[in-house]
């Protein structure tokens, strides 16, 4: 069992930056792929980014490529999402997710499938005002 706790959300203005954190506990993440998803009001949950813990393989949604950076700190068992040049359309609840097989990071096609992830955090709200 893995427990995931997100933090770092808040209210910012367009163009600002935020860094989200996802602290994991319960077991080693060495075989895992860790991802970020988001869900805006009235919309389906959508993939944002994924990273494989072992080799750092990363995939991003086209909508955030060049603005968001996913990273991990193995010593702290924590994943991050650095979000720069935020836009109002980035407003959503952001969730971190864990795939115990690590296969979600094999390709962008695998990464976007929410069903591949075994564990989810409770979410953190990000609101970007125009």
Foldseek 3Di string as FASTA:
>chain_A
DKAWAKDWADEEAAQAKTKMKIFIDDDQLQQKKKFKWWDDPPGDIWGAKIARNNPGQMDGDPVQPPFWDWDDDRVRNMIMIIGGRDDQVVWTWMKMFMQNRSCCSVDVVSVTDPVNTDDMYPTDTHGYHD
